[in-house]
């Protein structure tokens, strides 16, 4: 088994103080921090360059992309990447989406550094690690069933839904995705019917609730 001090991690968070604090904590616990990224795009680029054993991604960045987007990009090119999500938010939708993407762990920013180190160790071994209260919420979500946009919509529909939630018109979405206006109009109507929402304000509120766009 690889020793803890042989494990190399990449940190990604847009708050330097938070990132530096976790980097110091992990280093003190014998885990090597290879690099620190401040944006989702930089996280992807550094991952490709440094090839860390584990990447720790904040979910919320003060930018258009999120940690979830970074994870999708990383996993698309590196399917065996081991990802831990770190967030001050622990809404059900974010936990569910992190798990759906294939994250090995989800820990909150107020966790004990030893918990984060344990998550790194477990993730590196290919195991799942969720703090007890988060694991319980995941179990409850499974029992209740999932009626989130992520569950009800296809990947393309979800992409269009997010653009709708950001306030783009059908014409603007069609131009952005290089699709016909008729196609977007038909898809947007289908999305509204599937989700049971029709007013733009409700669409935005639903997307924020499920962690698809920043509030």
C-alpha atoms as a PDB file:
ATOM      1  CA  UNK A   1       0.000   0.000   0.000  1.00  0.00           C
ATOM      2  CA  UNK A   2       1.315   3.446  -0.873  1.00  0.00           C
ATOM      3  CA  UNK A   3       2.333   5.523   2.123  1.00  0.00           C
ATOM      4  CA  UNK A   4       0.376   8.678   2.831  1.00  0.00           C
ATOM      5  CA  UNK A   5       3.433  10.866   2.229  1.00  0.00           C
ATOM      6  CA  UNK A   6       3.746   9.398  -1.268  1.00  0.00           C
ATOM      7  CA  UNK A   7       0.297  10.670  -2.273  1.00  0.00           C
ATOM      8  CA  UNK A   8       0.368  13.774  -4.465  1.00  0.00           C
ATOM      9  CA  UNK A   9      -2.623  16.105  -4.656  1.00  0.00           C
ATOM     10  CA  UNK A  10      -3.742  19.148  -6.620  1.00  0.00           C
ATOM     11  CA  UNK A  11      -5.843  21.799  -4.858  1.00  0.00           C
ATOM     12  CA  UNK A  12      -8.311  24.062  -6.673  1.00  0.00           C
ATOM     13  CA  UNK A  13     -10.074  26.917  -4.886  1.00  0.00           C
ATOM     14  CA  UNK A  14     -10.524  30.599  -5.715  1.00  0.00           C
ATOM     15  CA  UNK A  15      -9.934  31.684  -2.108  1.00  0.00           C
ATOM     16  CA  UNK A  16      -6.130  31.777  -1.593  1.00  0.00           C
ATOM     17  CA  UNK A  17      -6.369  31.866   2.209  1.00  0.00           C
ATOM     18  CA  UNK A  18      -8.576  28.768   2.284  1.00  0.00           C
ATOM     19  CA  UNK A  19      -6.375  26.927  -0.208  1.00  0.00           C
ATOM     20  CA  UNK A  20      -3.163  27.836   1.605  1.00  0.00           C
ATOM     21  CA  UNK A  21      -4.629  26.681   4.894  1.00  0.00           C
ATOM     22  CA  UNK A  22      -5.614  23.289   3.522  1.00  0.00           C
ATOM     23  CA  UNK A  23      -2.268  22.945   1.719  1.00  0.00           C
ATOM     24  CA  UNK A  24      -0.421  23.505   4.992  1.00  0.00           C
ATOM     25  CA  UNK A  25      -2.686  21.097   6.858  1.00  0.00           C
ATOM     26  CA  UNK A  26      -2.227  18.355   4.275  1.00  0.00           C
ATOM     27  CA  UNK A  27       1.533  18.896   4.147  1.00  0.00           C
ATOM     28  CA  UNK A  28       1.713  18.682   7.949  1.00  0.00           C
ATOM     29  CA  UNK A  29      -0.144  15.373   7.725  1.00  0.00           C
ATOM     30  CA  UNK A  30       2.363  14.011   5.204  1.00  0.00           C
ATOM     31  CA  UNK A  31       0.504  14.567   1.930  1.00  0.00           C
ATOM     32  CA  UNK A  32       2.367  16.368  -0.852  1.00  0.00           C
ATOM     33  CA  UNK A  33       0.559  19.263  -2.555  1.00  0.00           C
ATOM     34  CA  UNK A  34       1.849  19.461  -6.129  1.00  0.00           C
ATOM     35  CA  UNK A  35       0.049  22.628  -7.120  1.00  0.00           C
ATOM     36  CA  UNK A  36      -2.783  25.059  -6.464  1.00  0.00           C
ATOM     37  CA  UNK A  37      -5.301  26.232  -9.097  1.00  0.00           C
ATOM     38  CA  UNK A  38      -7.474  29.320  -8.787  1.00  0.00           C
ATOM     39  CA  UNK A  39      -9.932  28.596 -11.631  1.00  0.00           C
ATOM     40  CA  UNK A  40     -11.686  25.501 -13.030  1.00  0.00           C
ATOM     41  CA  UNK A  41      -9.756  25.878 -16.305  1.00  0.00           C
ATOM     42  CA  UNK A  42      -6.456  26.124 -14.476  1.00  0.00           C
ATOM     43  CA  UNK A  43      -7.414  23.025 -12.474  1.00  0.00           C
ATOM     44  CA  UNK A  44      -7.873  21.074 -15.702  1.00  0.00           C
ATOM     45  CA  UNK A  45      -4.601  22.349 -17.165  1.00  0.00           C
ATOM     46  CA  UNK A  46      -2.592  21.645 -14.006  1.00  0.00           C
ATOM     47  CA  UNK A  47      -4.133  18.204 -13.680  1.00  0.00           C
ATOM     48  CA  UNK A  48      -3.050  17.363 -17.224  1.00  0.00           C
ATOM     49  CA  UNK A  49       0.453  18.674 -16.545  1.00  0.00           C
ATOM     50  CA  UNK A  50       1.091  17.409 -13.021  1.00  0.00           C
ATOM     51  CA  UNK A  51      -0.908  14.147 -13.087  1.00  0.00           C
ATOM     52  CA  UNK A  52      -1.690  14.155  -9.337  1.00  0.00           C
ATOM     53  CA  UNK A  53      -2.981  11.094  -7.530  1.00  0.00           C
ATOM     54  CA  UNK A  54      -5.970  13.040  -6.221  1.00  0.00           C
ATOM     55  CA  UNK A  55      -7.502  16.420  -7.090  1.00  0.00           C
ATOM     56  CA  UNK A  56      -9.456  18.430  -4.511  1.00  0.00           C
ATOM     57  CA  UNK A  57     -11.942  20.758  -6.200  1.00  0.00           C
ATOM     58  CA  UNK A  58     -13.966  23.544  -4.683  1.00  0.00           C
ATOM     59  CA  UNK A  59     -17.486  23.503  -6.125  1.00  0.00           C
ATOM     60  CA  UNK A  60     -18.111  27.248  -6.216  1.00  0.00           C
ATOM     61  CA  UNK A  61     -15.773  29.548  -8.111  1.00  0.00           C
ATOM     62  CA  UNK A  62     -16.394  33.226  -8.767  1.00  0.00           C
ATOM     63  CA  UNK A  63     -16.542  32.494 -12.481  1.00  0.00           C
ATOM     64  CA  UNK A  64     -18.776  31.060 -15.169  1.00  0.00           C
ATOM     65  CA  UNK A  65     -17.405  27.546 -14.691  1.00  0.00           C
ATOM     66  CA  UNK A  66     -17.715  25.535 -11.460  1.00  0.00           C
ATOM     67  CA  UNK A  67     -15.804  22.735  -9.837  1.00  0.00           C
ATOM     68  CA  UNK A  68     -18.410  20.381 -11.279  1.00  0.00           C
ATOM     69  CA  UNK A  69     -17.508  21.603 -14.778  1.00  0.00           C
ATOM     70  CA  UNK A  70     -13.812  21.095 -14.024  1.00  0.00           C
ATOM     71  CA  UNK A  71     -14.547  17.554 -12.858  1.00  0.00           C
ATOM     72  CA  UNK A  72     -16.473  16.770 -16.047  1.00  0.00           C
ATOM     73  CA  UNK A  73     -13.585  18.049 -18.179  1.00  0.00           C
ATOM     74  CA  UNK A  74     -10.980  16.154 -16.188  1.00  0.00           C
ATOM     75  CA  UNK A  75     -12.935  12.895 -16.196  1.00  0.00           C
ATOM     76  CA  UNK A  76     -13.644  13.206 -19.933  1.00  0.00           C
ATOM     77  CA  UNK A  77      -9.914  13.064 -20.631  1.00  0.00           C
ATOM     78  CA  UNK A  78      -8.753  11.144 -17.556  1.00  0.00           C
ATOM     79  CA  UNK A  79     -11.561   8.705 -16.660  1.00  0.00           C
ATOM     80  CA  UNK A  80      -9.635   7.202 -13.734  1.00  0.00           C
ATOM     81  CA  UNK A  81      -9.038  10.576 -12.058  1.00  0.00           C
ATOM     82  CA  UNK A  82      -9.786  10.536  -8.338  1.00  0.00           C
ATOM     83  CA  UNK A  83     -11.755  13.630  -7.372  1.00  0.00           C
ATOM     84  CA  UNK A  84     -12.702  15.059  -3.995  1.00  0.00           C
ATOM     85  CA  UNK A  85     -15.175  17.939  -3.829  1.00  0.00           C
ATOM     86  CA  UNK A  86     -14.645  20.579  -1.183  1.00  0.00           C
ATOM     87  CA  UNK A  87     -17.386  23.103  -0.479  1.00  0.00           C
ATOM     88  CA  UNK A  88     -18.861  25.374   2.140  1.00  0.00           C
ATOM     89  CA  UNK A  89     -22.234  24.331   0.698  1.00  0.00           C
ATOM     90  CA  UNK A  90     -23.681  20.918   1.398  1.00  0.00           C
ATOM     91  CA  UNK A  91     -27.059  21.113  -0.341  1.00  0.00           C
ATOM     92  CA  UNK A  92     -28.584  17.794  -1.329  1.00  0.00           C
ATOM     93  CA  UNK A  93     -28.383  18.627  -5.042  1.00  0.00           C
ATOM     94  CA  UNK A  94     -24.641  19.333  -4.911  1.00  0.00           C
ATOM     95  CA  UNK A  95     -23.933  16.156  -2.980  1.00  0.00           C
ATOM     96  CA  UNK A  96     -26.027  14.136  -5.421  1.00  0.00           C
ATOM     97  CA  UNK A  97     -24.353  15.673  -8.469  1.00  0.00           C
ATOM     98  CA  UNK A  98     -20.874  15.162  -7.014  1.00  0.00           C
ATOM     99  CA  UNK A  99     -21.680  11.500  -6.430  1.00  0.00           C
ATOM    100  CA  UNK A 100     -23.254  11.132  -9.882  1.00  0.00           C
ATOM    101  CA  UNK A 101     -20.147  12.525 -11.548  1.00  0.00           C
ATOM    102  CA  UNK A 102     -18.031   9.885  -9.875  1.00  0.00           C
ATOM    103  CA  UNK A 103     -16.454  11.841  -7.025  1.00  0.00           C
ATOM    104  CA  UNK A 104     -14.673   9.736  -4.450  1.00  0.00           C
ATOM    105  CA  UNK A 105     -15.486  12.124  -1.610  1.00  0.00           C
ATOM    106  CA  UNK A 106     -17.409  15.250  -0.662  1.00  0.00           C
ATOM    107  CA  UNK A 107     -16.214  17.198   2.358  1.00  0.00           C
ATOM    108  CA  UNK A 108     -17.241  20.584   3.701  1.00  0.00           C
ATOM    109  CA  UNK A 109     -14.752  23.411   4.254  1.00  0.00           C
ATOM    110  CA  UNK A 110     -15.352  23.368   7.984  1.00  0.00           C
ATOM    111  CA  UNK A 111     -14.219  19.748   8.268  1.00  0.00           C
ATOM    112  CA  UNK A 112     -11.283  18.712  10.420  1.00  0.00           C
ATOM    113  CA  UNK A 113      -8.058  18.612   8.325  1.00  0.00           C
ATOM    114  CA  UNK A 114      -7.672  15.008   9.439  1.00  0.00           C
ATOM    115  CA  UNK A 115     -10.999  14.220   7.719  1.00  0.00           C
ATOM    116  CA  UNK A 116      -9.717  15.749   4.485  1.00  0.00           C
ATOM    117  CA  UNK A 117      -6.486  13.771   4.769  1.00  0.00           C
ATOM    118  CA  UNK A 118      -8.517  10.623   5.384  1.00  0.00           C
ATOM    119  CA  UNK A 119     -10.632  11.419   2.321  1.00  0.00           C
ATOM    120  CA  UNK A 120      -7.458  11.795   0.244  1.00  0.00           C
ATOM    121  CA  UNK A 121      -6.105   8.470   1.502  1.00  0.00           C
ATOM    122  CA  UNK A 122      -9.390   6.643   0.831  1.00  0.00           C
ATOM    123  CA  UNK A 123      -9.900   8.251  -2.574  1.00  0.00           C
ATOM    124  CA  UNK A 124      -6.379   7.308  -3.604  1.00  0.00           C
ATOM    125  CA  UNK A 125      -7.195   3.696  -2.745  1.00  0.00           C
ATOM    126  CA  UNK A 126     -10.273   3.930  -4.973  1.00  0.00           C
ATOM    127  CA  UNK A 127     -12.711   3.977  -2.059  1.00  0.00           C
ATOM    128  CA  UNK A 128     -15.624   6.322  -1.411  1.00  0.00           C
ATOM    129  CA  UNK A 129     -15.473   8.630   1.575  1.00  0.00           C
ATOM    130  CA  UNK A 130     -18.396  10.764   2.698  1.00  0.00           C
ATOM    131  CA  UNK A 131     -18.664  12.304   6.145  1.00  0.00           C
ATOM    132  CA  UNK A 132     -21.398  10.540   8.170  1.00  0.00           C
ATOM    133  CA  UNK A 133     -23.997  13.321   7.884  1.00  0.00           C
ATOM    134  CA  UNK A 134     -23.408  13.587   4.116  1.00  0.00           C
ATOM    135  CA  UNK A 135     -23.591   9.815   3.644  1.00  0.00           C
ATOM    136  CA  UNK A 136     -26.908   9.836   5.499  1.00  0.00           C
ATOM    137  CA  UNK A 137     -28.276  12.533   3.196  1.00  0.00           C
ATOM    138  CA  UNK A 138     -27.175  10.560   0.140  1.00  0.00           C
ATOM    139  CA  UNK A 139     -28.993   7.511   1.480  1.00  0.00           C
ATOM    140  CA  UNK A 140     -32.125   9.573   2.087  1.00  0.00           C
ATOM    141  CA  UNK A 141     -31.973  10.962  -1.452  1.00  0.00           C
ATOM    142  CA  UNK A 142     -31.835   7.425  -2.828  1.00  0.00           C
ATOM    143  CA  UNK A 143     -34.864   6.392  -0.793  1.00  0.00           C
ATOM    144  CA  UNK A 144     -36.918   9.451  -1.781  1.00  0.00           C
ATOM    145  CA  UNK A 145     -36.031   9.225  -5.433  1.00  0.00           C
ATOM    146  CA  UNK A 146     -34.517  11.950  -7.548  1.00  0.00           C
ATOM    147  CA  UNK A 147     -36.609  14.504  -9.402  1.00  0.00           C
ATOM    148  CA  UNK A 148     -33.759  16.911 -10.064  1.00  0.00           C
ATOM    149  CA  UNK A 149     -33.067  18.348 -13.542  1.00  0.00           C
ATOM    150  CA  UNK A 150     -29.884  16.247 -13.597  1.00  0.00           C
ATOM    151  CA  UNK A 151     -31.991  13.110 -13.275  1.00  0.00           C
ATOM    152  CA  UNK A 152     -34.892  14.045 -15.543  1.00  0.00           C
ATOM    153  CA  UNK A 153     -33.008  15.657 -18.439  1.00  0.00           C
ATOM    154  CA  UNK A 154     -30.523  14.361 -20.989  1.00  0.00           C
ATOM    155  CA  UNK A 155     -27.032  15.888 -21.152  1.00  0.00           C
ATOM    156  CA  UNK A 156     -27.992  18.165 -24.066  1.00  0.00           C
ATOM    157  CA  UNK A 157     -31.316  19.144 -22.471  1.00  0.00           C
ATOM    158  CA  UNK A 158     -29.467  19.964 -19.253  1.00  0.00           C
ATOM    159  CA  UNK A 159     -27.069  22.212 -21.149  1.00  0.00           C
ATOM    160  CA  UNK A 160     -29.997  24.085 -22.707  1.00  0.00           C
ATOM    161  CA  UNK A 161     -31.805  24.253 -19.355  1.00  0.00           C
ATOM    162  CA  UNK A 162     -28.789  25.958 -17.746  1.00  0.00           C
ATOM    163  CA  UNK A 163     -28.704  28.557 -20.512  1.00  0.00           C
ATOM    164  CA  UNK A 164     -32.435  29.153 -20.070  1.00  0.00           C
ATOM    165  CA  UNK A 165     -31.864  29.590 -16.348  1.00  0.00           C
ATOM    166  CA  UNK A 166     -29.153  32.158 -17.030  1.00  0.00           C
ATOM    167  CA  UNK A 167     -31.734  34.232 -18.887  1.00  0.00           C
ATOM    168  CA  UNK A 168     -30.761  33.578 -22.504  1.00  0.00           C
ATOM    169  CA  UNK A 169     -33.538  33.712 -25.095  1.00  0.00           C
ATOM    170  CA  UNK A 170     -34.198  30.805 -27.448  1.00  0.00           C
ATOM    171  CA  UNK A 171     -32.532  32.784 -30.244  1.00  0.00           C
ATOM    172  CA  UNK A 172     -29.429  33.389 -28.121  1.00  0.00           C
ATOM    173  CA  UNK A 173     -29.260  29.730 -27.107  1.00  0.00           C
ATOM    174  CA  UNK A 174     -29.606  28.644 -30.735  1.00  0.00           C
ATOM    175  CA  UNK A 175     -26.728  30.915 -31.708  1.00  0.00           C
ATOM    176  CA  UNK A 176     -24.564  29.769 -28.768  1.00  0.00           C
ATOM    177  CA  UNK A 177     -25.070  26.059 -29.534  1.00  0.00           C
ATOM    178  CA  UNK A 178     -25.182  26.493 -33.307  1.00  0.00           C
ATOM    179  CA  UNK A 179     -28.612  24.886 -33.563  1.00  0.00           C
ATOM    180  CA  UNK A 180     -31.776  26.041 -35.294  1.00  0.00           C
ATOM    181  CA  UNK A 181     -34.229  28.276 -33.460  1.00  0.00           C
ATOM    182  CA  UNK A 182     -36.971  25.721 -34.099  1.00  0.00           C
ATOM    183  CA  UNK A 183     -34.929  22.978 -32.444  1.00  0.00           C
ATOM    184  CA  UNK A 184     -34.256  25.103 -29.364  1.00  0.00           C
ATOM    185  CA  UNK A 185     -37.906  26.176 -29.142  1.00  0.00           C
ATOM    186  CA  UNK A 186     -39.048  22.555 -29.227  1.00  0.00           C
ATOM    187  CA  UNK A 187     -36.456  21.409 -26.698  1.00  0.00           C
ATOM    188  CA  UNK A 188     -37.133  24.283 -24.296  1.00  0.00           C
ATOM    189  CA  UNK A 189     -40.841  23.482 -24.331  1.00  0.00           C
ATOM    190  CA  UNK A 190     -40.097  19.809 -23.630  1.00  0.00           C
ATOM    191  CA  UNK A 191     -37.800  20.806 -20.766  1.00  0.00           C
ATOM    192  CA  UNK A 192     -40.507  22.972 -19.206  1.00  0.00           C
ATOM    193  CA  UNK A 193     -43.024  20.142 -19.420  1.00  0.00           C
ATOM    194  CA  UNK A 194     -40.617  17.563 -17.949  1.00  0.00           C
ATOM    195  CA  UNK A 195     -39.758  19.800 -15.007  1.00  0.00           C
ATOM    196  CA  UNK A 196     -43.202  21.303 -14.544  1.00  0.00           C
ATOM    197  CA  UNK A 197     -41.925  24.889 -14.665  1.00  0.00           C
ATOM    198  CA  UNK A 198     -42.750  27.540 -17.229  1.00  0.00           C
ATOM    199  CA  UNK A 199     -41.945  31.004 -15.888  1.00  0.00           C
ATOM    200  CA  UNK A 200     -38.339  32.182 -16.390  1.00  0.00           C
ATOM    201  CA  UNK A 201     -37.990  33.121 -12.715  1.00  0.00           C
ATOM    202  CA  UNK A 202     -39.000  29.606 -11.630  1.00  0.00           C
ATOM    203  CA  UNK A 203     -36.563  28.044 -14.089  1.00  0.00           C
ATOM    204  CA  UNK A 204     -33.721  30.120 -12.643  1.00  0.00           C
ATOM    205  CA  UNK A 205     -34.766  29.327  -9.081  1.00  0.00           C
ATOM    206  CA  UNK A 206     -34.832  25.584  -9.862  1.00  0.00           C
ATOM    207  CA  UNK A 207     -31.363  25.697 -11.427  1.00  0.00           C
ATOM    208  CA  UNK A 208     -29.928  27.515  -8.401  1.00  0.00           C
ATOM    209  CA  UNK A 209     -31.616  25.077  -6.005  1.00  0.00           C
ATOM    210  CA  UNK A 210     -29.966  22.126  -7.699  1.00  0.00           C
ATOM    211  CA  UNK A 211     -26.536  23.714  -7.961  1.00  0.00           C
ATOM    212  CA  UNK A 212     -26.523  24.109 -11.747  1.00  0.00           C
ATOM    213  CA  UNK A 213     -25.889  27.855 -11.738  1.00  0.00           C
ATOM    214  CA  UNK A 214     -24.519  30.210  -9.118  1.00  0.00           C
ATOM    215  CA  UNK A 215     -27.092  32.146  -7.054  1.00  0.00           C
END
